[in-house]
């Protein structure tokens, strides 16, 4: 069990201690989400298709309260609360308390809690917990990726023709031309199949576990990518922006793959628009 004492700023924090705290926070928040799913929740709308529930806020509070108790000097970046830079530590927790809110609100059981950890600007740890399936994805930089304690690895699929890909669409799909519909149409003609789960964090974990061969999206936030990007990378995946540059979780564009189909995915994403 994790020690209840709070480390002082001078104490070094082992990755195992940090991971254990993240797992505990993620699972506690996931249990809370299941309770809300069973007993009911309130919905608010940020815009006609972007919603938030009181379950989102309660799960976020659950994660932050636990981690702040253990690590009071750490920074935080959370989807609903925003940025908290009061601490002086080089660590920042990046939290999506309910990735897949629309799914959750409709009773579709594909959502998760995502807890990533950044150290001096580099994502070094990821925990993604899917409470509906009781699946816990974890990774620490240079130590591999795991699903419920078992090692996972990306697929060996070698071509787009044989690939199962996944993507998502931003909440402003109705207002922007950069809405991913053009890329979706192109990949539909190239891949064996396309899916849209509604949870970017789970999409990244499914690439890590070999369930999907590749994932792309155009308008993501740091909390969508922080934890899942570590898990996918530690499982042997490759992650870049659409130009093939190393992924930045602050850059919105993401291509994640098993590595073998990555260049083919980039080629599709960078095709010139069709001229009529």
Protein backbone atom coordinates (compact mmCIF):
# COMPACT_ATOMS: atom_id res chain seq x y z
CA UNK A 1 0.00 0.00 0.00
CA UNK A 2 1.03 3.60 -0.61
CA UNK A 3 2.39 5.33 2.46
CA UNK A 4 0.02 7.97 3.81
CA UNK A 5 2.80 10.35 4.79
CA UNK A 6 3.34 13.34 2.52
CA UNK A 7 6.83 13.59 0.96
CA UNK A 8 8.74 16.79 1.60
CA UNK A 9 9.98 18.79 -1.42
CA UNK A 10 13.50 17.49 -0.88
CA UNK A 11 12.52 13.85 -0.94
CA UNK A 12 13.05 12.05 -4.25
CA UNK A 13 9.90 10.44 -5.61
CA UNK A 14 10.26 7.01 -7.10
CA UNK A 15 8.29 6.29 -10.23
CA UNK A 16 6.65 3.37 -8.45
CA UNK A 17 5.27 5.67 -5.76
CA UNK A 18 4.00 8.10 -8.37
CA UNK A 19 2.42 5.31 -10.43
CA UNK A 20 0.72 3.80 -7.40
CA UNK A 21 -0.82 7.15 -6.52
CA UNK A 22 -2.01 7.68 -10.10
CA UNK A 23 -3.55 4.20 -10.22
CA UNK A 24 -5.31 4.75 -6.92
CA UNK A 25 -6.66 8.12 -8.09
CA UNK A 26 -7.78 6.77 -11.46
CA UNK A 27 -9.55 3.77 -9.98
CA UNK A 28 -11.25 5.85 -7.29
CA UNK A 29 -12.54 8.26 -9.94
CA UNK A 30 -13.64 5.35 -12.14
CA UNK A 31 -15.63 3.85 -9.28
CA UNK A 32 -17.25 7.23 -8.77
CA UNK A 33 -18.21 7.42 -12.45
CA UNK A 34 -19.86 4.01 -12.29
CA UNK A 35 -21.87 5.20 -9.30
CA UNK A 36 -23.04 8.27 -11.20
CA UNK A 37 -23.89 6.13 -14.23
CA UNK A 38 -26.12 4.00 -12.02
CA UNK A 39 -27.77 6.69 -9.89
CA UNK A 40 -27.96 9.61 -12.35
CA UNK A 41 -26.18 12.85 -13.16
CA UNK A 42 -26.76 16.41 -14.33
CA UNK A 43 -25.76 17.62 -17.82
CA UNK A 44 -24.66 21.11 -18.84
CA UNK A 45 -23.85 22.27 -22.37
CA UNK A 46 -20.76 24.30 -23.30
CA UNK A 47 -22.12 24.49 -26.85
CA UNK A 48 -24.81 22.50 -28.73
CA UNK A 49 -22.71 19.31 -28.84
CA UNK A 50 -20.05 19.87 -26.14
CA UNK A 51 -21.40 18.82 -22.78
CA UNK A 52 -20.13 18.34 -19.25
CA UNK A 53 -21.70 16.50 -16.33
CA UNK A 54 -21.45 16.77 -12.58
CA UNK A 55 -19.81 13.35 -12.81
CA UNK A 56 -16.91 14.95 -14.77
CA UNK A 57 -16.40 17.51 -12.04
CA UNK A 58 -16.72 15.04 -9.18
CA UNK A 59 -14.25 12.62 -10.79
CA UNK A 60 -11.78 15.45 -11.41
CA UNK A 61 -12.06 16.60 -7.81
CA UNK A 62 -11.50 13.03 -6.65
CA UNK A 63 -8.26 12.70 -8.64
CA UNK A 64 -6.91 16.12 -7.67
CA UNK A 65 -7.73 15.75 -4.00
CA UNK A 66 -5.89 12.44 -3.75
CA UNK A 67 -2.83 13.60 -5.67
CA UNK A 68 -2.65 16.97 -3.90
CA UNK A 69 -2.73 15.20 -0.55
CA UNK A 70 0.22 13.04 -1.57
CA UNK A 71 2.12 15.65 -3.59
CA UNK A 72 1.09 19.16 -2.46
CA UNK A 73 3.94 20.84 -4.34
CA UNK A 74 3.01 19.43 -7.76
CA UNK A 75 1.39 21.34 -10.63
CA UNK A 76 -1.92 20.33 -12.23
CA UNK A 77 -3.60 20.71 -15.60
CA UNK A 78 -7.15 19.33 -15.70
CA UNK A 79 -9.87 19.56 -18.34
CA UNK A 80 -12.54 21.23 -16.22
CA UNK A 81 -10.45 23.15 -13.68
CA UNK A 82 -7.67 24.26 -16.01
CA UNK A 83 -4.10 25.00 -14.94
CA UNK A 84 -2.88 25.13 -11.34
CA UNK A 85 0.75 26.26 -11.17
CA UNK A 86 0.95 27.17 -7.49
CA UNK A 87 3.54 24.50 -6.70
CA UNK A 88 7.28 24.70 -7.33
CA UNK A 89 7.82 21.05 -8.30
CA UNK A 90 9.01 19.99 -11.79
CA UNK A 91 6.08 17.53 -11.89
CA UNK A 92 2.71 18.33 -13.50
CA UNK A 93 -0.29 16.00 -13.43
CA UNK A 94 -2.43 16.22 -16.59
CA UNK A 95 -5.93 14.91 -15.97
CA UNK A 96 -8.99 14.06 -18.02
CA UNK A 97 -11.46 12.84 -15.38
CA UNK A 98 -13.97 11.55 -17.93
CA UNK A 99 -12.71 11.07 -21.46
CA UNK A 100 -15.79 10.14 -23.44
CA UNK A 101 -18.36 12.37 -21.72
CA UNK A 102 -20.84 12.13 -24.60
CA UNK A 103 -20.66 8.33 -24.45
CA UNK A 104 -21.15 8.44 -20.69
CA UNK A 105 -24.12 10.78 -20.96
CA UNK A 106 -25.85 8.43 -23.42
CA UNK A 107 -25.14 5.28 -21.41
CA UNK A 108 -22.64 4.01 -23.97
CA UNK A 109 -19.95 2.28 -21.86
CA UNK A 110 -16.83 3.57 -23.60
CA UNK A 111 -15.16 6.16 -21.38
CA UNK A 112 -12.23 6.36 -19.01
CA UNK A 113 -10.21 8.30 -16.48
CA UNK A 114 -6.86 9.52 -17.83
CA UNK A 115 -4.00 10.59 -15.54
CA UNK A 116 -0.69 11.60 -17.11
CA UNK A 117 2.46 12.88 -15.43
CA UNK A 118 4.83 15.40 -16.97
CA UNK A 119 8.33 16.01 -15.63
CA UNK A 120 10.15 19.13 -16.79
CA UNK A 121 7.93 19.28 -19.87
CA UNK A 122 8.20 15.58 -20.82
CA UNK A 123 5.40 13.05 -20.33
CA UNK A 124 6.90 10.20 -18.31
CA UNK A 125 3.93 8.25 -16.98
CA UNK A 126 0.40 7.36 -17.98
CA UNK A 127 -2.56 5.69 -16.29
CA UNK A 128 -5.85 5.13 -18.13
CA UNK A 129 -8.65 3.30 -16.34
CA UNK A 130 -11.75 2.01 -18.12
CA UNK A 131 -14.20 1.28 -15.29
CA UNK A 132 -16.82 -0.37 -17.49
CA UNK A 133 -14.38 -3.12 -18.52
CA UNK A 134 -12.17 -2.94 -15.44
CA UNK A 135 -9.17 -2.39 -17.72
CA UNK A 136 -6.19 -0.53 -16.30
CA UNK A 137 -3.54 0.64 -18.77
CA UNK A 138 -0.26 1.84 -17.26
CA UNK A 139 3.19 2.88 -18.44
CA UNK A 140 6.34 4.43 -17.07
CA UNK A 141 8.94 5.85 -19.44
CA UNK A 142 11.54 3.19 -20.43
CA UNK A 143 9.69 0.46 -18.50
CA UNK A 144 7.08 -0.76 -20.97
CA UNK A 145 3.29 -0.65 -21.09
CA UNK A 146 0.81 -2.89 -19.29
CA UNK A 147 -2.84 -3.85 -19.25
CA UNK A 148 -3.98 -5.13 -15.86
CA UNK A 149 -0.36 -5.92 -15.07
CA UNK A 150 0.38 -7.83 -18.28
CA UNK A 151 2.78 -6.43 -20.91
CA UNK A 152 1.20 -5.13 -24.10
CA UNK A 153 2.67 -4.31 -27.50
CA UNK A 154 1.52 -2.71 -30.72
CA UNK A 155 0.39 -4.84 -33.65
CA UNK A 156 2.54 -6.21 -36.46
CA UNK A 157 0.21 -5.13 -39.27
CA UNK A 158 2.31 -3.97 -42.22
CA UNK A 159 -0.09 -2.23 -44.62
CA UNK A 160 -3.02 0.16 -44.58
CA UNK A 161 -5.04 -2.34 -46.59
CA UNK A 162 -4.92 -4.70 -43.60
CA UNK A 163 -5.23 -2.03 -40.90
CA UNK A 164 -8.01 -1.19 -38.50
CA UNK A 165 -7.78 2.53 -37.80
CA UNK A 166 -9.55 4.83 -35.37
CA UNK A 167 -10.17 8.56 -35.24
CA UNK A 168 -12.34 11.19 -33.60
CA UNK A 169 -14.02 14.50 -34.32
CA UNK A 170 -13.75 17.72 -32.34
CA UNK A 171 -16.73 19.40 -30.68
CA UNK A 172 -16.49 22.33 -33.13
CA UNK A 173 -17.01 20.07 -36.16
CA UNK A 174 -19.94 22.23 -37.26
CA UNK A 175 -17.99 25.48 -37.16
CA UNK A 176 -14.61 24.67 -38.67
CA UNK A 177 -13.46 23.36 -42.04
CA UNK A 178 -10.62 21.57 -40.23
CA UNK A 179 -13.01 18.93 -39.01
CA UNK A 180 -11.28 15.68 -40.07
CA UNK A 181 -14.05 14.63 -42.47
CA UNK A 182 -11.70 14.85 -45.46
CA UNK A 183 -9.12 12.61 -43.78
CA UNK A 184 -11.83 10.18 -42.73
CA UNK A 185 -13.02 9.85 -46.33
CA UNK A 186 -9.47 9.25 -47.60
CA UNK A 187 -8.69 6.59 -45.01
CA UNK A 188 -12.04 4.89 -45.65
CA UNK A 189 -10.73 4.07 -49.14
CA UNK A 190 -7.33 2.89 -47.89
CA UNK A 191 -7.83 0.92 -44.66
CA UNK A 192 -9.51 -2.38 -43.91
CA UNK A 193 -11.78 -0.59 -41.46
CA UNK A 194 -12.35 2.65 -39.53
CA UNK A 195 -13.78 3.14 -36.07
CA UNK A 196 -14.78 6.09 -33.90
CA UNK A 197 -14.95 5.28 -30.17
CA UNK A 198 -15.34 8.78 -28.71
CA UNK A 199 -12.37 8.51 -26.33
CA UNK A 200 -8.92 9.55 -27.54
CA UNK A 201 -7.25 8.17 -24.41
CA UNK A 202 -8.72 4.72 -25.02
CA UNK A 203 -7.87 4.95 -28.72
CA UNK A 204 -4.21 5.42 -27.80
CA UNK A 205 -4.36 2.52 -25.35
CA UNK A 206 -5.98 0.31 -27.98
CA UNK A 207 -3.14 1.11 -30.38
CA UNK A 208 -0.77 0.14 -27.57
CA UNK A 209 -2.58 -3.15 -27.06
CA UNK A 210 -2.67 -3.97 -30.79
CA UNK A 211 -6.45 -3.64 -31.03
CA UNK A 212 -6.05 -0.75 -33.46
CA UNK A 213 -3.15 -0.39 -35.88
CA UNK A 214 -3.28 3.40 -36.08
CA UNK A 215 -5.02 6.50 -34.75
CA UNK A 216 -5.14 10.08 -35.96
CA UNK A 217 -6.98 13.20 -34.86
CA UNK A 218 -6.69 16.90 -35.63
CA UNK A 219 -7.93 18.93 -32.65
CA UNK A 220 -6.90 17.35 -29.37
CA UNK A 221 -6.06 18.86 -25.98
CA UNK A 222 -3.13 17.96 -23.71
CA UNK A 223 -5.33 15.94 -21.34
CA UNK A 224 -6.55 13.83 -24.27
CA UNK A 225 -3.01 12.73 -25.09
CA UNK A 226 -0.80 12.94 -21.99
CA UNK A 227 -1.36 9.52 -20.44
CA UNK A 228 -2.21 7.57 -23.59
CA UNK A 229 0.82 8.85 -25.49
CA UNK A 230 3.18 7.38 -22.90
CA UNK A 231 1.32 4.06 -22.95
CA UNK A 232 1.37 3.85 -26.76
CA UNK A 233 5.03 4.81 -26.99
CA UNK A 234 6.09 2.34 -24.30
CA UNK A 235 4.18 -0.40 -26.15
CA UNK A 236 6.39 0.17 -29.19
CA UNK A 237 4.25 2.69 -31.03
CA UNK A 238 5.30 5.74 -32.99
CA UNK A 239 3.71 9.12 -32.31
CA UNK A 240 4.10 12.29 -34.38
CA UNK A 241 2.21 15.27 -35.71
CA UNK A 242 0.95 15.23 -39.30
CA UNK A 243 4.35 16.41 -40.56
CA UNK A 244 6.19 13.53 -38.91
CA UNK A 245 7.68 15.65 -36.12
CA UNK A 246 7.87 14.26 -32.60
CA UNK A 247 4.55 14.56 -30.81
CA UNK A 248 3.85 17.52 -28.57
CA UNK A 249 0.75 17.11 -26.44
CA UNK A 250 0.24 20.87 -26.81
CA UNK A 251 0.14 20.74 -30.61
CA UNK A 252 -3.39 19.33 -31.29
CA UNK A 253 -2.35 17.06 -34.21
CA UNK A 254 -1.68 13.40 -33.44
CA UNK A 255 -0.76 10.34 -35.47
CA UNK A 256 -0.16 7.18 -33.44
CA UNK A 257 0.59 3.83 -35.02
CA UNK A 258 2.38 0.53 -34.71
CA UNK A 259 5.24 2.17 -36.63
CA UNK A 260 4.94 -0.11 -39.64
CA UNK A 261 2.08 1.85 -41.23
CA UNK A 262 3.11 5.28 -39.97
CA UNK A 263 4.61 6.64 -43.19
CA UNK A 264 1.60 5.43 -45.16
CA UNK A 265 -0.71 7.22 -42.72
CA UNK A 266 1.29 10.43 -43.02
CA UNK A 267 1.12 10.18 -46.81
CA UNK A 268 -2.67 10.01 -46.71
CA UNK A 269 -2.93 12.88 -44.23
CA UNK A 270 -0.74 15.08 -46.44
CA UNK A 271 -2.45 14.37 -49.75
CA UNK A 272 -3.45 17.53 -51.60
CA UNK A 273 -7.18 18.26 -51.48
CA UNK A 274 -9.10 16.70 -54.35
CA UNK A 275 -9.71 19.19 -57.14
CA UNK A 276 -13.04 19.05 -58.98
